[in-house]
């Protein structure tokens, strides 16, 4: 089975998820909270979209594993494992803002080899296989390429929210944020895709789960960027994540985050 074959199947997964999600968007749907003491929303759209994708995977690749945000893991030790986040950015979704996307990753022996972010409302898809990355949307199709950024004082930094940076890591994050030329909040998965598109230089986050980041790694690295943990290790298992378009600004941010 080649990456091209998996690419075509991933497109099917994204289309099925989008067709399931869109009837719920900007409607008065019920919202449940998965995090007592905080707010981690989930909707019928999240669950329905993941269920649709799981059925397609099980029907076409019964030996493959699946890890999804809503329904957990199945055959997690398989050679190939699909990692699914039906709606990354559910808080934006329930607020009516189209800054959310369906994340689909394929792991081979634990490493992400293909990833896609699909935004069906806007009609955009970002994909990558760590060797290259592509965009397809209303403005056509093109290859994605990160931009050069030599120093933090030239960098545009994104994080979904400073309130989501865990308390123990906030001082380190503030040092990087203070050094950056521009800091913006929001975006979820879109921040990483804009980094791959050469419009953002840094994304800094904490407490990510595998389904939050696995699909985005092949997109960013395929566009020439870097994605690691704050400690410099592989990022596919989540945790504290640092993504950069230029290795020089990644190194500079890493020094402050480790201080």
Protein backbone atom coordinates (compact mmCIF):
# COMPACT_ATOMS: atom_id res chain seq x y z
CA UNK A 1 0.00 0.00 0.00
CA UNK A 2 1.47 3.35 -1.01
CA UNK A 3 1.09 6.82 0.46
CA UNK A 4 -0.89 7.77 -2.64
CA UNK A 5 -3.43 5.07 -1.83
CA UNK A 6 -3.68 6.29 1.75
CA UNK A 7 -4.04 9.86 0.51
CA UNK A 8 -7.07 8.93 -1.55
CA UNK A 9 -8.62 7.11 1.39
CA UNK A 10 -7.93 10.05 3.71
CA UNK A 11 -9.81 12.27 1.29
CA UNK A 12 -12.78 9.90 1.63
CA UNK A 13 -12.57 10.09 5.41
CA UNK A 14 -12.45 13.89 5.34
CA UNK A 15 -15.43 14.12 2.98
CA UNK A 16 -17.49 11.75 5.11
CA UNK A 17 -16.65 13.69 8.27
CA UNK A 18 -17.46 17.02 6.63
CA UNK A 19 -20.81 15.82 5.34
CA UNK A 20 -21.64 14.67 8.86
CA UNK A 21 -20.49 17.82 10.66
CA UNK A 22 -21.81 20.63 8.46
CA UNK A 23 -25.53 20.16 9.20
CA UNK A 24 -24.71 20.86 12.87
CA UNK A 25 -22.57 23.98 12.35
CA UNK A 26 -24.18 27.26 13.45
CA UNK A 27 -27.22 25.50 14.85
CA UNK A 28 -28.53 25.27 18.40
CA UNK A 29 -26.94 21.91 19.14
CA UNK A 30 -26.52 20.51 22.64
CA UNK A 31 -23.07 20.84 24.20
CA UNK A 32 -21.70 18.53 26.90
CA UNK A 33 -18.71 19.24 29.12
CA UNK A 34 -16.08 16.47 29.35
CA UNK A 35 -13.96 18.23 32.00
CA UNK A 36 -15.50 18.73 35.45
CA UNK A 37 -13.88 21.78 36.98
CA UNK A 38 -13.08 23.18 33.51
CA UNK A 39 -14.69 23.31 30.11
CA UNK A 40 -13.89 20.75 27.42
CA UNK A 41 -16.94 20.69 25.15
CA UNK A 42 -18.16 17.83 22.99
CA UNK A 43 -21.15 17.75 20.66
CA UNK A 44 -23.19 15.25 18.69
CA UNK A 45 -21.27 16.45 15.63
CA UNK A 46 -17.93 15.37 17.16
CA UNK A 47 -19.20 11.90 17.98
CA UNK A 48 -21.10 11.36 14.73
CA UNK A 49 -18.13 12.38 12.57
CA UNK A 50 -15.69 10.13 14.41
CA UNK A 51 -18.13 7.22 14.21
CA UNK A 52 -18.43 7.66 10.43
CA UNK A 53 -14.65 7.69 9.98
CA UNK A 54 -14.19 4.67 12.23
CA UNK A 55 -16.70 2.65 10.24
CA UNK A 56 -14.92 3.46 6.98
CA UNK A 57 -11.52 2.47 8.41
CA UNK A 58 -12.82 -0.76 9.91
CA UNK A 59 -14.52 -1.69 6.63
CA UNK A 60 -11.51 -0.94 4.41
CA UNK A 61 -8.55 -1.69 6.71
CA UNK A 62 -9.74 -4.08 9.42
CA UNK A 63 -6.21 -4.76 10.66
CA UNK A 64 -5.44 -1.08 11.19
CA UNK A 65 -5.64 0.51 14.62
CA UNK A 66 -7.64 3.62 15.50
CA UNK A 67 -7.12 6.30 18.14
CA UNK A 68 -9.88 8.90 18.33
CA UNK A 69 -10.69 11.73 20.70
CA UNK A 70 -14.25 10.63 21.35
CA UNK A 71 -14.13 6.82 21.35
CA UNK A 72 -10.58 6.01 22.46
CA UNK A 73 -8.21 3.43 21.00
CA UNK A 74 -8.63 0.10 19.24
CA UNK A 75 -5.68 -2.07 18.13
CA UNK A 76 -3.27 0.67 19.20
CA UNK A 77 -0.28 -1.65 18.67
CA UNK A 78 -1.07 -2.27 14.98
CA UNK A 79 1.50 -1.49 12.30
CA UNK A 80 -0.78 1.23 10.92
CA UNK A 81 -2.87 3.37 13.27
CA UNK A 82 -5.30 6.15 12.30
CA UNK A 83 -5.45 9.09 14.71
CA UNK A 84 -8.68 11.08 14.50
CA UNK A 85 -9.90 14.38 15.90
CA UNK A 86 -13.31 14.96 14.30
CA UNK A 87 -13.50 18.62 15.32
CA UNK A 88 -10.28 20.22 16.51
CA UNK A 89 -11.43 23.57 17.83
CA UNK A 90 -14.81 22.57 19.25
CA UNK A 91 -14.98 25.81 21.27
CA UNK A 92 -14.81 27.79 18.03
CA UNK A 93 -17.28 25.37 16.44
CA UNK A 94 -19.94 25.90 19.12
CA UNK A 95 -19.35 29.65 18.91
CA UNK A 96 -20.04 29.72 15.16
CA UNK A 97 -16.48 30.61 14.12
CA UNK A 98 -15.00 28.51 11.27
CA UNK A 99 -11.58 28.20 12.93
CA UNK A 100 -11.81 24.44 13.40
CA UNK A 101 -10.98 21.38 11.36
CA UNK A 102 -11.07 17.62 11.11
CA UNK A 103 -7.65 16.11 11.80
CA UNK A 104 -6.72 12.74 10.28
CA UNK A 105 -3.28 11.17 10.79
CA UNK A 106 -1.82 7.85 9.74
CA UNK A 107 0.93 6.39 11.91
CA UNK A 108 3.27 3.67 10.67
CA UNK A 109 5.04 1.88 13.51
CA UNK A 110 4.20 4.81 15.76
CA UNK A 111 5.48 7.60 13.49
CA UNK A 112 3.13 9.96 11.59
CA UNK A 113 3.58 9.39 7.85
CA UNK A 114 0.56 11.30 6.55
CA UNK A 115 -1.71 14.01 7.89
CA UNK A 116 -4.66 16.08 6.76
CA UNK A 117 -6.58 19.03 8.15
CA UNK A 118 -9.97 19.49 6.48
CA UNK A 119 -12.20 22.54 6.98
CA UNK A 120 -15.44 21.70 5.16
CA UNK A 121 -17.28 24.98 5.80
CA UNK A 122 -14.57 27.06 4.11
CA UNK A 123 -13.69 24.24 1.73
CA UNK A 124 -9.98 23.98 2.54
CA UNK A 125 -7.70 20.99 2.97
CA UNK A 126 -4.08 20.94 4.09
CA UNK A 127 -2.11 17.71 3.79
CA UNK A 128 1.44 16.44 4.07
CA UNK A 129 3.64 13.36 4.21
CA UNK A 130 6.75 14.94 5.82
CA UNK A 131 8.40 15.20 2.38
CA UNK A 132 5.97 17.72 0.91
CA UNK A 133 2.76 19.53 1.85
CA UNK A 134 -0.19 20.74 -0.19
CA UNK A 135 -3.16 23.08 0.03
CA UNK A 136 -6.42 22.78 -1.83
CA UNK A 137 -9.25 25.26 -1.48
CA UNK A 138 -11.32 28.02 -3.03
CA UNK A 139 -8.18 29.71 -4.37
CA UNK A 140 -6.98 26.53 -6.09
CA UNK A 141 -4.17 24.12 -5.23
CA UNK A 142 -0.55 24.78 -4.37
CA UNK A 143 2.43 23.43 -2.51
CA UNK A 144 3.02 24.71 1.01
CA UNK A 145 6.33 26.20 2.12
CA UNK A 146 7.32 27.77 5.42
CA UNK A 147 8.99 31.18 5.42
CA UNK A 148 12.42 32.18 6.66
CA UNK A 149 12.60 33.81 10.09
CA UNK A 150 16.02 34.26 11.62
CA UNK A 151 15.13 35.69 15.04
CA UNK A 152 12.35 35.84 17.61
CA UNK A 153 12.01 39.61 17.22
CA UNK A 154 10.94 38.96 13.63
CA UNK A 155 8.49 36.17 14.49
CA UNK A 156 4.71 35.94 14.55
CA UNK A 157 3.67 33.59 17.35
CA UNK A 158 0.33 31.83 17.81
CA UNK A 159 -1.16 29.89 20.69
CA UNK A 160 -4.78 28.83 21.01
CA UNK A 161 -5.08 30.65 24.35
CA UNK A 162 -2.57 31.66 27.03
CA UNK A 163 -5.11 30.32 29.53
CA UNK A 164 -4.53 26.84 28.06
CA UNK A 165 -0.79 27.01 28.78
CA UNK A 166 -0.43 25.02 31.97
CA UNK A 167 0.48 27.08 35.00
CA UNK A 168 3.93 25.54 35.45
CA UNK A 169 4.87 26.54 31.88
CA UNK A 170 3.42 30.06 31.71
CA UNK A 171 6.54 31.97 32.73
CA UNK A 172 8.55 30.23 30.01
CA UNK A 173 5.83 30.89 27.46
CA UNK A 174 5.68 34.58 28.42
CA UNK A 175 9.41 34.91 27.77
CA UNK A 176 8.96 33.66 24.22
CA UNK A 177 5.83 35.75 23.72
CA UNK A 178 7.60 38.90 24.95
CA UNK A 179 10.48 38.31 22.53
CA UNK A 180 8.24 37.77 19.49
CA UNK A 181 7.33 40.60 17.14
CA UNK A 182 3.63 39.71 17.15
CA UNK A 183 1.59 37.38 19.34
CA UNK A 184 -1.93 36.25 18.42
CA UNK A 185 -4.45 33.90 20.05
CA UNK A 186 -6.91 31.42 18.59
CA UNK A 187 -6.52 29.08 15.68
CA UNK A 188 -6.22 25.58 17.12
CA UNK A 189 -5.18 23.41 14.14
CA UNK A 190 -5.30 26.39 11.76
CA UNK A 191 -2.24 27.94 13.43
CA UNK A 192 -0.07 25.02 12.32
CA UNK A 193 -1.48 25.10 8.81
CA UNK A 194 -0.78 28.84 8.53
CA UNK A 195 2.76 28.13 9.70
CA UNK A 196 3.09 25.57 6.90
CA UNK A 197 1.70 28.17 4.49
CA UNK A 198 4.43 30.67 5.43
CA UNK A 199 2.19 33.12 7.31
CA UNK A 200 3.09 32.26 10.92
CA UNK A 201 6.52 31.53 12.42
CA UNK A 202 5.89 29.86 15.78
CA UNK A 203 3.15 27.89 17.52
CA UNK A 204 3.58 27.22 21.23
CA UNK A 205 1.18 25.01 23.22
CA UNK A 206 0.98 22.68 26.22
CA UNK A 207 -1.11 19.68 27.26
CA UNK A 208 -1.87 18.51 23.73
CA UNK A 209 -3.08 14.98 23.14
CA UNK A 210 -1.88 12.78 20.24
CA UNK A 211 -5.04 13.47 18.23
CA UNK A 212 -4.40 17.25 18.58
CA UNK A 213 -1.01 17.16 16.88
CA UNK A 214 -0.29 13.90 14.99
CA UNK A 215 -1.97 14.98 11.74
CA UNK A 216 -0.27 18.39 11.78
CA UNK A 217 3.30 17.11 12.05
CA UNK A 218 3.59 15.77 8.44
CA UNK A 219 2.01 18.99 7.16
CA UNK A 220 4.46 21.28 8.96
CA UNK A 221 7.54 19.14 8.32
CA UNK A 222 6.47 18.52 4.71
CA UNK A 223 6.45 22.30 4.24
CA UNK A 224 9.98 22.53 5.67
CA UNK A 225 9.18 23.30 9.29
CA UNK A 226 10.04 21.76 12.65
CA UNK A 227 7.72 20.26 15.28
CA UNK A 228 9.05 18.99 18.62
CA UNK A 229 8.19 18.93 22.27
CA UNK A 230 9.63 21.72 24.40
CA UNK A 231 12.31 19.21 25.35
CA UNK A 232 13.24 18.71 21.70
CA UNK A 233 11.79 15.22 21.31
CA UNK A 234 9.19 13.72 18.95
CA UNK A 235 5.81 15.43 19.17
CA UNK A 236 3.32 12.80 18.04
CA UNK A 237 2.39 11.78 21.58
CA UNK A 238 1.46 15.35 22.50
CA UNK A 239 2.48 17.29 25.58
CA UNK A 240 4.22 20.68 25.37
CA UNK A 241 4.61 21.43 21.68
CA UNK A 242 6.79 23.90 19.77
CA UNK A 243 6.36 24.26 16.00
CA UNK A 244 8.44 26.62 13.89
CA UNK A 245 8.90 27.42 10.24
CA UNK A 246 12.62 28.13 10.57
CA UNK A 247 15.07 26.02 12.57
CA UNK A 248 16.83 29.19 13.80
CA UNK A 249 13.74 30.61 15.49
CA UNK A 250 12.87 27.15 16.80
CA UNK A 251 16.28 26.99 18.50
CA UNK A 252 15.89 30.50 19.92
CA UNK A 253 12.45 29.72 21.33
CA UNK A 254 13.67 26.40 22.72
CA UNK A 255 16.39 28.16 24.73
CA UNK A 256 13.82 30.38 26.43
CA UNK A 257 11.36 27.57 27.04
CA UNK A 258 14.09 25.50 28.70
CA UNK A 259 15.35 28.39 30.85
